């Protein structure tokens, strides 16, 4: 499903008017309406993140639906392109459970090495 249609579907499931939702995400209803109809492309990253949070959706999945990759992920890839590529290729095809286990192990190993975000 396309970004706009997904936003509209989820917003309507929450029984929120477009005017209420537009205020919540800091957009005008006249700008949001064509986005929901997929007439306008998805907005910039910060707005997509606000929309995802307002709809209680996973930010990375919503950014992907909008055809974007988070700034933090681009920074990681630029800093360690070969390693990031190897990791992404290695997890391709793994189940969510397997990926969660790898993430848990990485977080445990990195505990204390970087500050919480």
PDB file of N, CA and C in Angstrom:
ATOM      1  N   UNK A   1       0.839  -1.177   0.000  1.00  0.00           N
ATOM      2  CA  UNK A   1       0.000   0.000   0.000  1.00  0.00           C
ATOM      3  C   UNK A   1       0.890   1.248   0.000  1.00  0.00           C
ATOM      4  N   UNK A   2       0.429   2.282  -0.641  1.00  0.00           N
ATOM      5  CA  UNK A   2       1.203   3.512  -0.732  1.00  0.00           C
ATOM      6  C   UNK A   2       1.144   4.293   0.571  1.00  0.00           C
ATOM      7  N   UNK A   3       2.095   5.210   0.721  1.00  0.00           N
ATOM      8  CA  UNK A   3       2.227   5.997   1.943  1.00  0.00           C
ATOM      9  C   UNK A   3       0.930   6.731   2.294  1.00  0.00           C
ATOM     10  N   UNK A   4       0.432   7.536   1.384  1.00  0.00           N
ATOM     11  CA  UNK A   4      -0.743   8.355   1.659  1.00  0.00           C
ATOM     12  C   UNK A   4      -1.966   7.542   2.035  1.00  0.00           C
ATOM     13  N   UNK A   5      -2.221   6.499   1.268  1.00  0.00           N
ATOM     14  CA  UNK A   5      -3.386   5.646   1.567  1.00  0.00           C
ATOM     15  C   UNK A   5      -3.253   4.994   2.935  1.00  0.00           C
ATOM     16  N   UNK A   6      -2.031   4.622   3.292  1.00  0.00           N
ATOM     17  CA  UNK A   6      -1.792   4.010   4.603  1.00  0.00           C
ATOM     18  C   UNK A   6      -2.067   5.017   5.716  1.00  0.00           C
ATOM     19  N   UNK A   7      -1.577   6.243   5.543  1.00  0.00           N
ATOM     20  CA  UNK A   7      -1.823   7.287   6.541  1.00  0.00           C
ATOM     21  C   UNK A   7      -3.327   7.486   6.721  1.00  0.00           C
ATOM     22  N   UNK A   8      -4.028   7.627   5.609  1.00  0.00           N
ATOM     23  CA  UNK A   8      -5.472   7.872   5.688  1.00  0.00           C
ATOM     24  C   UNK A   8      -6.200   6.710   6.383  1.00  0.00           C
ATOM     25  N   UNK A   9      -5.865   5.488   5.990  1.00  0.00           N
ATOM     26  CA  UNK A   9      -6.503   4.304   6.571  1.00  0.00           C
ATOM     27  C   UNK A   9      -6.289   4.260   8.087  1.00  0.00           C
ATOM     28  N   UNK A  10      -5.050   4.450   8.510  1.00  0.00           N
ATOM     29  CA  UNK A  10      -4.747   4.394   9.946  1.00  0.00           C
ATOM     30  C   UNK A  10      -5.399   5.553  10.700  1.00  0.00           C
ATOM     31  N   UNK A  11      -5.396   6.737  10.093  1.00  0.00           N
ATOM     32  CA  UNK A  11      -6.030   7.896  10.731  1.00  0.00           C
ATOM     33  C   UNK A  11      -7.527   7.649  10.915  1.00  0.00           C
ATOM     34  N   UNK A  12      -8.158   7.151   9.862  1.00  0.00           N
ATOM     35  CA  UNK A  12      -9.598   6.886   9.934  1.00  0.00           C
ATOM     36  C   UNK A  12      -9.919   5.775  10.931  1.00  0.00           C
ATOM     37  N   UNK A  13      -9.047   4.770  11.035  1.00  0.00           N
ATOM     38  CA  UNK A  13      -9.249   3.706  12.023  1.00  0.00           C
ATOM     39  C   UNK A  13      -9.231   4.256  13.445  1.00  0.00           C
ATOM     40  N   UNK A  14      -8.515   5.353  13.643  1.00  0.00           N
ATOM     41  CA  UNK A  14      -8.452   5.988  14.960  1.00  0.00           C
ATOM     42  C   UNK A  14      -9.559   7.030  15.140  1.00  0.00           C
ATOM     43  N   UNK A  15     -10.426   7.140  14.131  1.00  0.00           N
ATOM     44  CA  UNK A  15     -11.544   8.099  14.178  1.00  0.00           C
ATOM     45  C   UNK A  15     -11.074   9.526  14.439  1.00  0.00           C
ATOM     46  N   UNK A  16     -10.025   9.920  13.746  1.00  0.00           N
ATOM     47  CA  UNK A  16      -9.467  11.265  13.864  1.00  0.00           C
ATOM     48  C   UNK A  16      -9.720  11.990  12.549  1.00  0.00           C
ATOM     49  N   UNK A  17     -10.250  13.199  12.633  1.00  0.00           N
ATOM     50  CA  UNK A  17     -10.496  13.977  11.409  1.00  0.00           C
ATOM     51  C   UNK A  17      -9.169  14.430  10.815  1.00  0.00           C
ATOM     52  N   UNK A  18      -9.207  14.747   9.535  1.00  0.00           N
ATOM     53  CA  UNK A  18      -7.982  15.211   8.885  1.00  0.00           C
ATOM     54  C   UNK A  18      -7.519  16.529   9.502  1.00  0.00           C
ATOM     55  N   UNK A  19      -8.454  17.377   9.909  1.00  0.00           N
ATOM     56  CA  UNK A  19      -8.092  18.654  10.538  1.00  0.00           C
ATOM     57  C   UNK A  19      -7.396  18.416  11.877  1.00  0.00           C
ATOM     58  N   UNK A  20      -7.943  17.505  12.692  1.00  0.00           N
ATOM     59  CA  UNK A  20      -7.329  17.187  13.987  1.00  0.00           C
ATOM     60  C   UNK A  20      -5.938  16.596  13.788  1.00  0.00           C
ATOM     61  N   UNK A  21      -5.847  15.675  12.838  1.00  0.00           N
ATOM     62  CA  UNK A  21      -4.567  15.007  12.599  1.00  0.00           C
ATOM     63  C   UNK A  21      -3.531  15.989  12.063  1.00  0.00           C
ATOM     64  N   UNK A  22      -3.942  16.847  11.156  1.00  0.00           N
ATOM     65  CA  UNK A  22      -3.025  17.834  10.586  1.00  0.00           C
ATOM     66  C   UNK A  22      -2.449  18.729  11.688  1.00  0.00           C
ATOM     67  N   UNK A  23      -3.298  19.165  12.618  1.00  0.00           N
ATOM     68  CA  UNK A  23      -2.812  19.975  13.745  1.00  0.00           C
ATOM     69  C   UNK A  23      -1.812  19.186  14.581  1.00  0.00           C
ATOM     70  N   UNK A  24      -2.136  17.929  14.813  1.00  0.00           N
ATOM     71  CA  UNK A  24      -1.281  17.077  15.656  1.00  0.00           C
ATOM     72  C   UNK A  24       0.123  16.917  15.068  1.00  0.00           C
ATOM     73  N   UNK A  25       0.213  16.844  13.736  1.00  0.00           N
ATOM     74  CA  UNK A  25       1.519  16.628  13.093  1.00  0.00           C
ATOM     75  C   UNK A  25       2.129  17.911  12.541  1.00  0.00           C
ATOM     76  N   UNK A  26       1.472  19.046  12.790  1.00  0.00           N
ATOM     77  CA  UNK A  26       2.038  20.324  12.379  1.00  0.00           C
ATOM     78  C   UNK A  26       1.980  20.594  10.886  1.00  0.00           C
ATOM     79  N   UNK A  27       0.910  20.159  10.262  1.00  0.00           N
ATOM     80  CA  UNK A  27       0.719  20.368   8.826  1.00  0.00           C
ATOM     81  C   UNK A  27      -0.658  20.989   8.614  1.00  0.00           C
ATOM     82  N   UNK A  28      -0.869  21.556   7.462  1.00  0.00           N
ATOM     83  CA  UNK A  28      -2.198  22.069   7.156  1.00  0.00           C
ATOM     84  C   UNK A  28      -3.017  20.954   6.515  1.00  0.00           C
ATOM     85  N   UNK A  29      -4.332  20.949   6.765  1.00  0.00           N
ATOM     86  CA  UNK A  29      -5.179  19.931   6.135  1.00  0.00           C
ATOM     87  C   UNK A  29      -5.143  20.015   4.609  1.00  0.00           C
ATOM     88  N   UNK A  30      -4.966  21.209   4.071  1.00  0.00           N
ATOM     89  CA  UNK A  30      -4.928  21.353   2.612  1.00  0.00           C
ATOM     90  C   UNK A  30      -3.657  20.760   2.009  1.00  0.00           C
ATOM     91  N   UNK A  31      -2.602  20.639   2.799  1.00  0.00           N
ATOM     92  CA  UNK A  31      -1.388  19.969   2.343  1.00  0.00           C
ATOM     93  C   UNK A  31      -1.478  18.463   2.601  1.00  0.00           C
ATOM     94  N   UNK A  32      -2.056  18.084   3.741  1.00  0.00           N
ATOM     95  CA  UNK A  32      -2.133  16.677   4.114  1.00  0.00           C
ATOM     96  C   UNK A  32      -3.105  15.888   3.232  1.00  0.00           C
ATOM     97  N   UNK A  33      -4.206  16.508   2.847  1.00  0.00           N
ATOM     98  CA  UNK A  33      -5.221  15.799   2.048  1.00  0.00           C
ATOM     99  C   UNK A  33      -4.651  15.227   0.748  1.00  0.00           C
ATOM    100  N   UNK A  34      -3.908  16.005  -0.057  1.00  0.00           N
ATOM    101  CA  UNK A  34      -3.345  15.411  -1.273  1.00  0.00           C
ATOM    102  C   UNK A  34      -2.259  14.364  -0.999  1.00  0.00           C
ATOM    103  N   UNK A  35      -1.597  14.466   0.151  1.00  0.00           N
ATOM    104  CA  UNK A  35      -0.641  13.423   0.537  1.00  0.00           C
ATOM    105  C   UNK A  35      -1.399  12.126   0.766  1.00  0.00           C
ATOM    106  N   UNK A  36      -2.517  12.219   1.491  1.00  0.00           N
ATOM    107  CA  UNK A  36      -3.320  11.027   1.775  1.00  0.00           C
ATOM    108  C   UNK A  36      -3.911  10.410   0.505  1.00  0.00           C
ATOM    109  N   UNK A  37      -4.100  11.204  -0.525  1.00  0.00           N
ATOM    110  CA  UNK A  37      -4.619  10.683  -1.793  1.00  0.00           C
ATOM    111  C   UNK A  37      -3.485  10.275  -2.732  1.00  0.00           C
ATOM    112  N   UNK A  38      -2.257  10.365  -2.254  1.00  0.00           N
ATOM    113  CA  UNK A  38      -1.057  10.049  -3.037  1.00  0.00           C
ATOM    114  C   UNK A  38      -0.927  10.938  -4.269  1.00  0.00           C
ATOM    115  N   UNK A  39      -1.479  12.156  -4.187  1.00  0.00           N
ATOM    116  CA  UNK A  39      -1.303  13.154  -5.239  1.00  0.00           C
ATOM    117  C   UNK A  39       0.039  13.855  -5.030  1.00  0.00           C
ATOM    118  N   UNK A  40       0.340  14.188  -3.758  1.00  0.00           N
ATOM    119  CA  UNK A  40       1.633  14.756  -3.391  1.00  0.00           C
ATOM    120  C   UNK A  40       2.506  13.622  -2.873  1.00  0.00           C
ATOM    121  N   UNK A  41       3.808  13.723  -3.060  1.00  0.00           N
ATOM    122  CA  UNK A  41       4.709  12.702  -2.491  1.00  0.00           C
ATOM    123  C   UNK A  41       4.745  12.829  -0.966  1.00  0.00           C
ATOM    124  N   UNK A  42       5.248  11.814  -0.295  1.00  0.00           N
ATOM    125  CA  UNK A  42       5.374  11.897   1.162  1.00  0.00           C
ATOM    126  C   UNK A  42       6.207  13.115   1.555  1.00  0.00           C
ATOM    127  N   UNK A  43       5.931  13.678   2.731  1.00  0.00           N
ATOM    128  CA  UNK A  43       6.685  14.849   3.176  1.00  0.00           C
ATOM    129  C   UNK A  43       8.112  14.475   3.599  1.00  0.00           C
ATOM    130  N   UNK A  44       8.840  15.473   4.061  1.00  0.00           N
ATOM    131  CA  UNK A  44      10.226  15.288   4.518  1.00  0.00           C
ATOM    132  C   UNK A  44      10.284  14.363   5.736  1.00  0.00           C
ATOM    133  N   UNK A  45      11.473  13.880   6.004  1.00  0.00           N
ATOM    134  CA  UNK A  45      11.710  12.896   7.065  1.00  0.00           C
ATOM    135  C   UNK A  45      11.098  13.292   8.405  1.00  0.00           C
ATOM    136  N   UNK A  46      11.301  14.522   8.852  1.00  0.00           N
ATOM    137  CA  UNK A  46      10.797  14.935  10.171  1.00  0.00           C
ATOM    138  C   UNK A  46       9.278  14.830  10.230  1.00  0.00           C
ATOM    139  N   UNK A  47       8.603  15.187   9.148  1.00  0.00           N
ATOM    140  CA  UNK A  47       7.134  15.100   9.121  1.00  0.00           C
ATOM    141  C   UNK A  47       6.684  13.638   9.077  1.00  0.00           C
ATOM    142  N   UNK A  48       7.393  12.806   8.324  1.00  0.00           N
ATOM    143  CA  UNK A  48       7.050  11.379   8.281  1.00  0.00           C
ATOM    144  C   UNK A  48       7.185  10.779   9.677  1.00  0.00           C
ATOM    145  N   UNK A  49       8.208  11.170  10.403  1.00  0.00           N
ATOM    146  CA  UNK A  49       8.400  10.679  11.763  1.00  0.00           C
ATOM    147  C   UNK A  49       7.259  11.135  12.669  1.00  0.00           C
ATOM    148  N   UNK A  50       6.854  12.400  12.548  1.00  0.00           N
ATOM    149  CA  UNK A  50       5.720  12.895  13.343  1.00  0.00           C
ATOM    150  C   UNK A  50       4.448  12.119  13.020  1.00  0.00           C
ATOM    151  N   UNK A  51       4.240  11.852  11.734  1.00  0.00           N
ATOM    152  CA  UNK A  51       3.050  11.098  11.315  1.00  0.00           C
ATOM    153  C   UNK A  51       3.097   9.689  11.894  1.00  0.00           C
ATOM    154  N   UNK A  52       4.249   9.032  11.792  1.00  0.00           N
ATOM    155  CA  UNK A  52       4.385   7.672  12.327  1.00  0.00           C
ATOM    156  C   UNK A  52       4.106   7.641  13.822  1.00  0.00           C
ATOM    157  N   UNK A  53       4.668   8.596  14.553  1.00  0.00           N
ATOM    158  CA  UNK A  53       4.443   8.640  16.004  1.00  0.00           C
ATOM    159  C   UNK A  53       2.975   8.895  16.318  1.00  0.00           C
ATOM    160  N   UNK A  54       2.356   9.823  15.579  1.00  0.00           N
ATOM    161  CA  UNK A  54       0.949  10.152  15.821  1.00  0.00           C
ATOM    162  C   UNK A  54       0.042   8.957  15.557  1.00  0.00           C
ATOM    163  N   UNK A  55       0.458   8.092  14.635  1.00  0.00           N
ATOM    164  CA  UNK A  55      -0.326   6.905  14.303  1.00  0.00           C
ATOM    165  C   UNK A  55       0.149   5.663  15.050  1.00  0.00           C
ATOM    166  N   UNK A  56       1.116   5.842  15.951  1.00  0.00           N
ATOM    167  CA  UNK A  56       1.683   4.750  16.746  1.00  0.00           C
ATOM    168  C   UNK A  56       2.239   3.642  15.850  1.00  0.00           C
ATOM    169  N   UNK A  57       3.042   4.064  14.869  1.00  0.00           N
ATOM    170  CA  UNK A  57       3.636   3.128  13.919  1.00  0.00           C
ATOM    171  C   UNK A  57       5.157   3.120  14.073  1.00  0.00           C
ATOM    172  N   UNK A  58       5.790   2.067  13.601  1.00  0.00           N
ATOM    173  CA  UNK A  58       7.236   1.967  13.619  1.00  0.00           C
ATOM    174  C   UNK A  58       7.825   3.027  12.687  1.00  0.00           C
ATOM    175  N   UNK A  59       8.713   3.834  13.208  1.00  0.00           N
ATOM    176  CA  UNK A  59       9.280   4.946  12.437  1.00  0.00           C
ATOM    177  C   UNK A  59      10.049   4.450  11.220  1.00  0.00           C
ATOM    178  N   UNK A  60      10.892   3.445  11.383  1.00  0.00           N
ATOM    179  CA  UNK A  60      11.689   2.946  10.255  1.00  0.00           C
ATOM    180  C   UNK A  60      10.803   2.363   9.165  1.00  0.00           C
ATOM    181  N   UNK A  61       9.748   1.654   9.554  1.00  0.00           N
ATOM    182  CA  UNK A  61       8.839   1.099   8.549  1.00  0.00           C
ATOM    183  C   UNK A  61       8.099   2.208   7.812  1.00  0.00           C
ATOM    184  N   UNK A  62       7.706   3.256   8.531  1.00  0.00           N
ATOM    185  CA  UNK A  62       7.009   4.369   7.887  1.00  0.00           C
ATOM    186  C   UNK A  62       7.943   5.150   6.974  1.00  0.00           C
ATOM    187  N   UNK A  63       9.195   5.329   7.398  1.00  0.00           N
ATOM    188  CA  UNK A  63      10.167   5.990   6.516  1.00  0.00           C
ATOM    189  C   UNK A  63      10.363   5.178   5.246  1.00  0.00           C
ATOM    190  N   UNK A  64      10.454   3.876   5.369  1.00  0.00           N
ATOM    191  CA  UNK A  64      10.608   3.015   4.188  1.00  0.00           C
ATOM    192  C   UNK A  64       9.386   3.118   3.289  1.00  0.00           C
ATOM    193  N   UNK A  65       8.199   3.148   3.880  1.00  0.00           N
ATOM    194  CA  UNK A  65       6.971   3.300   3.104  1.00  0.00           C
ATOM    195  C   UNK A  65       6.983   4.623   2.332  1.00  0.00           C
ATOM    196  N   UNK A  66       7.609   5.637   2.922  1.00  0.00           N
ATOM    197  CA  UNK A  66       7.726   6.949   2.280  1.00  0.00           C
ATOM    198  C   UNK A  66       8.904   7.009   1.307  1.00  0.00           C
ATOM    199  N   UNK A  67       9.640   5.897   1.188  1.00  0.00           N
ATOM    200  CA  UNK A  67      10.793   5.865   0.280  1.00  0.00           C
ATOM    201  C   UNK A  67      12.018   6.549   0.849  1.00  0.00           C
ATOM    202  N   UNK A  68      12.125   6.568   2.167  1.00  0.00           N
ATOM    203  CA  UNK A  68      13.234   7.253   2.821  1.00  0.00           C
ATOM    204  C   UNK A  68      13.968   6.324   3.789  1.00  0.00           C
ATOM    205  N   UNK A  69      15.177   6.723   4.109  1.00  0.00           N
ATOM    206  CA  UNK A  69      15.979   6.040   5.129  1.00  0.00           C
ATOM    207  C   UNK A  69      16.329   7.103   6.160  1.00  0.00           C
ATOM    208  N   UNK A  70      16.220   6.765   7.428  1.00  0.00           N
ATOM    209  CA  UNK A  70      16.486   7.726   8.491  1.00  0.00           C
ATOM    210  C   UNK A  70      17.886   8.312   8.424  1.00  0.00           C
ATOM    211  N   UNK A  71      17.992   9.564   8.829  1.00  0.00           N
ATOM    212  CA  UNK A  71      19.281  10.264   8.844  1.00  0.00           C
ATOM    213  C   UNK A  71      20.305   9.503   9.671  1.00  0.00           C
ATOM    214  N   UNK A  72      19.869   8.939  10.801  1.00  0.00           N
ATOM    215  CA  UNK A  72      20.795   8.200  11.658  1.00  0.00           C
ATOM    216  C   UNK A  72      21.348   6.974  10.939  1.00  0.00           C
ATOM    217  N   UNK A  73      20.507   6.298  10.163  1.00  0.00           N
ATOM    218  CA  UNK A  73      20.983   5.116   9.433  1.00  0.00           C
ATOM    219  C   UNK A  73      21.924   5.512   8.297  1.00  0.00           C
ATOM    220  N   UNK A  74      21.631   6.605   7.620  1.00  0.00           N
ATOM    221  CA  UNK A  74      22.539   7.083   6.559  1.00  0.00           C
ATOM    222  C   UNK A  74      23.895   7.432   7.147  1.00  0.00           C
ATOM    223  N   UNK A  75      23.900   8.046   8.338  1.00  0.00           N
ATOM    224  CA  UNK A  75      25.156   8.407   8.998  1.00  0.00           C
ATOM    225  C   UNK A  75      25.967   7.145   9.322  1.00  0.00           C
ATOM    226  N   UNK A  76      25.294   6.116   9.831  1.00  0.00           N
ATOM    227  CA  UNK A  76      25.977   4.856  10.160  1.00  0.00           C
ATOM    228  C   UNK A  76      26.554   4.223   8.898  1.00  0.00           C
ATOM    229  N   UNK A  77      25.777   4.199   7.837  1.00  0.00           N
ATOM    230  CA  UNK A  77      26.233   3.601   6.580  1.00  0.00           C
ATOM    231  C   UNK A  77      27.419   4.371   6.014  1.00  0.00           C
ATOM    232  N   UNK A  78      27.370   5.706   6.074  1.00  0.00           N
ATOM    233  CA  UNK A  78      28.499   6.509   5.572  1.00  0.00           C
ATOM    234  C   UNK A  78      29.751   6.306   6.407  1.00  0.00           C
ATOM    235  N   UNK A  79      29.566   6.148   7.724  1.00  0.00           N
ATOM    236  CA  UNK A  79      30.710   5.985   8.618  1.00  0.00           C
ATOM    237  C   UNK A  79      31.360   4.610   8.454  1.00  0.00           C
ATOM    238  N   UNK A  80      30.540   3.575   8.216  1.00  0.00           N
ATOM    239  CA  UNK A  80      31.055   2.209   8.098  1.00  0.00           C
ATOM    240  C   UNK A  80      30.382   1.501   6.924  1.00  0.00           C
ATOM    241  N   UNK A  81      30.637   1.949   5.699  1.00  0.00           N
ATOM    242  CA  UNK A  81      29.886   1.409   4.557  1.00  0.00           C
ATOM    243  C   UNK A  81      30.086  -0.091   4.329  1.00  0.00           C
ATOM    244  N   UNK A  82      31.300  -0.563   4.421  1.00  0.00           N
ATOM    245  CA  UNK A  82      31.545  -1.990   4.172  1.00  0.00           C
ATOM    246  C   UNK A  82      30.894  -2.849   5.254  1.00  0.00           C
ATOM    247  N   UNK A  83      31.063  -2.452   6.502  1.00  0.00           N
ATOM    248  CA  UNK A  83      30.485  -3.215   7.611  1.00  0.00           C
ATOM    249  C   UNK A  83      28.965  -3.193   7.567  1.00  0.00           C
ATOM    250  N   UNK A  84      28.398  -2.009   7.318  1.00  0.00           N
ATOM    251  CA  UNK A  84      26.941  -1.900   7.251  1.00  0.00           C
ATOM    252  C   UNK A  84      26.396  -2.771   6.124  1.00  0.00           C
ATOM    253  N   UNK A  85      27.064  -2.772   4.994  1.00  0.00           N
ATOM    254  CA  UNK A  85      26.646  -3.611   3.876  1.00  0.00           C
ATOM    255  C   UNK A  85      26.689  -5.089   4.224  1.00  0.00           C
ATOM    256  N   UNK A  86      27.777  -5.512   4.887  1.00  0.00           N
ATOM    257  CA  UNK A  86      27.899  -6.918   5.278  1.00  0.00           C
ATOM    258  C   UNK A  86      26.786  -7.314   6.248  1.00  0.00           C
ATOM    259  N   UNK A  87      26.514  -6.463   7.216  1.00  0.00           N
ATOM    260  CA  UNK A  87      25.472  -6.767   8.203  1.00  0.00           C
ATOM    261  C   UNK A  87      24.114  -6.873   7.524  1.00  0.00           C
ATOM    262  N   UNK A  88      23.772  -5.906   6.693  1.00  0.00           N
ATOM    263  CA  UNK A  88      22.465  -5.918   6.028  1.00  0.00           C
ATOM    264  C   UNK A  88      22.306  -7.135   5.122  1.00  0.00           C
ATOM    265  N   UNK A  89      23.366  -7.479   4.392  1.00  0.00           N
ATOM    266  CA  UNK A  89      23.286  -8.666   3.525  1.00  0.00           C
ATOM    267  C   UNK A  89      23.184  -9.943   4.358  1.00  0.00           C
ATOM    268  N   UNK A  90      23.854  -9.971   5.510  1.00  0.00           N
ATOM    269  CA  UNK A  90      23.839 -11.161   6.354  1.00  0.00           C
ATOM    270  C   UNK A  90      22.461 -11.395   6.977  1.00  0.00           C
ATOM    271  N   UNK A  91      21.727 -10.335   7.286  1.00  0.00           N
ATOM    272  CA  UNK A  91      20.418 -10.521   7.917  1.00  0.00           C
ATOM    273  C   UNK A  91      19.303 -10.719   6.908  1.00  0.00           C
ATOM    274  N   UNK A  92      19.591 -10.487   5.644  1.00  0.00           N
ATOM    275  CA  UNK A  92      18.558 -10.658   4.619  1.00  0.00           C
ATOM    276  C   UNK A  92      18.062 -12.101   4.647  1.00  0.00           C
ATOM    277  N   UNK A  93      16.787 -12.264   4.856  1.00  0.00           N
ATOM    278  CA  UNK A  93      16.191 -13.595   4.890  1.00  0.00           C
ATOM    279  C   UNK A  93      16.034 -14.189   6.281  1.00  0.00           C
ATOM    280  N   UNK A  94      16.620 -13.539   7.286  1.00  0.00           N
ATOM    281  CA  UNK A  94      16.441 -14.042   8.648  1.00  0.00           C
ATOM    282  C   UNK A  94      15.049 -13.679   9.157  1.00  0.00           C
ATOM    283  N   UNK A  95      14.558 -14.459  10.095  1.00  0.00           N
ATOM    284  CA  UNK A  95      13.258 -14.175  10.697  1.00  0.00           C
ATOM    285  C   UNK A  95      13.396 -13.004  11.674  1.00  0.00           C
ATOM    286  N   UNK A  96      12.265 -12.415  12.034  1.00  0.00           N
ATOM    287  CA  UNK A  96      12.272 -11.336  13.028  1.00  0.00           C
ATOM    288  C   UNK A  96      12.879 -11.820  14.338  1.00  0.00           C
ATOM    289  N   UNK A  97      12.545 -13.041  14.721  1.00  0.00           N
ATOM    290  CA  UNK A  97      13.081 -13.604  15.967  1.00  0.00           C
ATOM    291  C   UNK A  97      14.603 -13.698  15.909  1.00  0.00           C
ATOM    292  N   UNK A  98      15.136 -14.163  14.791  1.00  0.00           N
ATOM    293  CA  UNK A  98      16.587 -14.272  14.644  1.00  0.00           C
ATOM    294  C   UNK A  98      17.256 -12.901  14.661  1.00  0.00           C
ATOM    295  N   UNK A  99      16.649 -11.945  14.015  1.00  0.00           N
ATOM    296  CA  UNK A  99      17.203 -10.593  14.012  1.00  0.00           C
ATOM    297  C   UNK A  99      17.139  -9.996  15.408  1.00  0.00           C
ATOM    298  N   UNK A 100      16.020 -10.184  16.102  1.00  0.00           N
ATOM    299  CA  UNK A 100      15.896  -9.685  17.473  1.00  0.00           C
ATOM    300  C   UNK A 100      16.986 -10.260  18.373  1.00  0.00           C
ATOM    301  N   UNK A 101      17.317 -11.529  18.188  1.00  0.00           N
ATOM    302  CA  UNK A 101      18.365 -12.170  18.986  1.00  0.00           C
ATOM    303  C   UNK A 101      19.733 -11.539  18.683  1.00  0.00           C
ATOM    304  N   UNK A 102      20.011 -11.291  17.408  1.00  0.00           N
ATOM    305  CA  UNK A 102      21.268 -10.631  17.046  1.00  0.00           C
ATOM    306  C   UNK A 102      21.342  -9.221  17.634  1.00  0.00           C
ATOM    307  N   UNK A 103      20.242  -8.494  17.574  1.00  0.00           N
ATOM    308  CA  UNK A 103      20.194  -7.142  18.123  1.00  0.00           C
ATOM    309  C   UNK A 103      20.408  -7.192  19.634  1.00  0.00           C
ATOM    310  N   UNK A 104      19.767  -8.142  20.296  1.00  0.00           N
ATOM    311  CA  UNK A 104      19.937  -8.285  21.748  1.00  0.00           C
ATOM    312  C   UNK A 104      21.404  -8.522  22.094  1.00  0.00           C
ATOM    313  N   UNK A 105      22.058  -9.405  21.349  1.00  0.00           N
ATOM    314  CA  UNK A 105      23.473  -9.698  21.599  1.00  0.00           C
ATOM    315  C   UNK A 105      24.351  -8.479  21.335  1.00  0.00           C
ATOM    316  N   UNK A 106      24.075  -7.763  20.261  1.00  0.00           N
ATOM    317  CA  UNK A 106      24.854  -6.565  19.942  1.00  0.00           C
ATOM    318  C   UNK A 106      24.659  -5.493  21.003  1.00  0.00           C
ATOM    319  N   UNK A 107      23.420  -5.311  21.450  1.00  0.00           N
ATOM    320  CA  UNK A 107      23.147  -4.318  22.490  1.00  0.00           C
ATOM    321  C   UNK A 107      23.833  -4.694  23.799  1.00  0.00           C
ATOM    322  N   UNK A 108      23.836  -5.971  24.125  1.00  0.00           N
ATOM    323  CA  UNK A 108      24.484  -6.439  25.352  1.00  0.00           C
ATOM    324  C   UNK A 108      25.992  -6.175  25.273  1.00  0.00           C
ATOM    325  N   UNK A 109      26.570  -6.469  24.126  1.00  0.00           N
ATOM    326  CA  UNK A 109      28.013  -6.270  23.941  1.00  0.00           C
ATOM    327  C   UNK A 109      28.371  -4.781  23.965  1.00  0.00           C
ATOM    328  N   UNK A 110      27.501  -3.951  23.393  1.00  0.00           N
ATOM    329  CA  UNK A 110      27.768  -2.513  23.321  1.00  0.00           C
ATOM    330  C   UNK A 110      27.332  -1.762  24.582  1.00  0.00           C
ATOM    331  N   UNK A 111      26.733  -2.452  25.530  1.00  0.00           N
ATOM    332  CA  UNK A 111      26.241  -1.791  26.743  1.00  0.00           C
ATOM    333  C   UNK A 111      27.364  -0.960  27.377  1.00  0.00           C
ATOM    334  N   UNK A 112      27.064   0.310  27.534  1.00  0.00           N
ATOM    335  CA  UNK A 112      28.053   1.196  28.157  1.00  0.00           C
ATOM    336  C   UNK A 112      29.015   1.829  27.171  1.00  0.00           C
ATOM    337  N   UNK A 113      29.056   1.333  25.930  1.00  0.00           N
ATOM    338  CA  UNK A 113      29.976   1.909  24.954  1.00  0.00           C
ATOM    339  C   UNK A 113      29.446   3.201  24.344  1.00  0.00           C
ATOM    340  N   UNK A 114      28.116   3.352  24.321  1.00  0.00           N
ATOM    341  CA  UNK A 114      27.559   4.603  23.791  1.00  0.00           C
ATOM    342  C   UNK A 114      26.377   5.018  24.650  1.00  0.00           C
ATOM    343  N   UNK A 115      26.100   6.295  24.600  1.00  0.00           N
ATOM    344  CA  UNK A 115      25.002   6.818  25.407  1.00  0.00           C
ATOM    345  C   UNK A 115      23.663   6.450  24.792  1.00  0.00           C
ATOM    346  N   UNK A 116      22.645   6.431  25.621  1.00  0.00           N
ATOM    347  CA  UNK A 116      21.292   6.135  25.131  1.00  0.00           C
ATOM    348  C   UNK A 116      20.793   7.288  24.295  1.00  0.00           C
ATOM    349  N   UNK A 117      19.966   6.936  23.289  1.00  0.00           N
ATOM    350  CA  UNK A 117      19.396   7.960  22.417  1.00  0.00           C
ATOM    351  C   UNK A 117      17.955   8.158  22.759  1.00  0.00           C
TER     352      UNK A 117
END
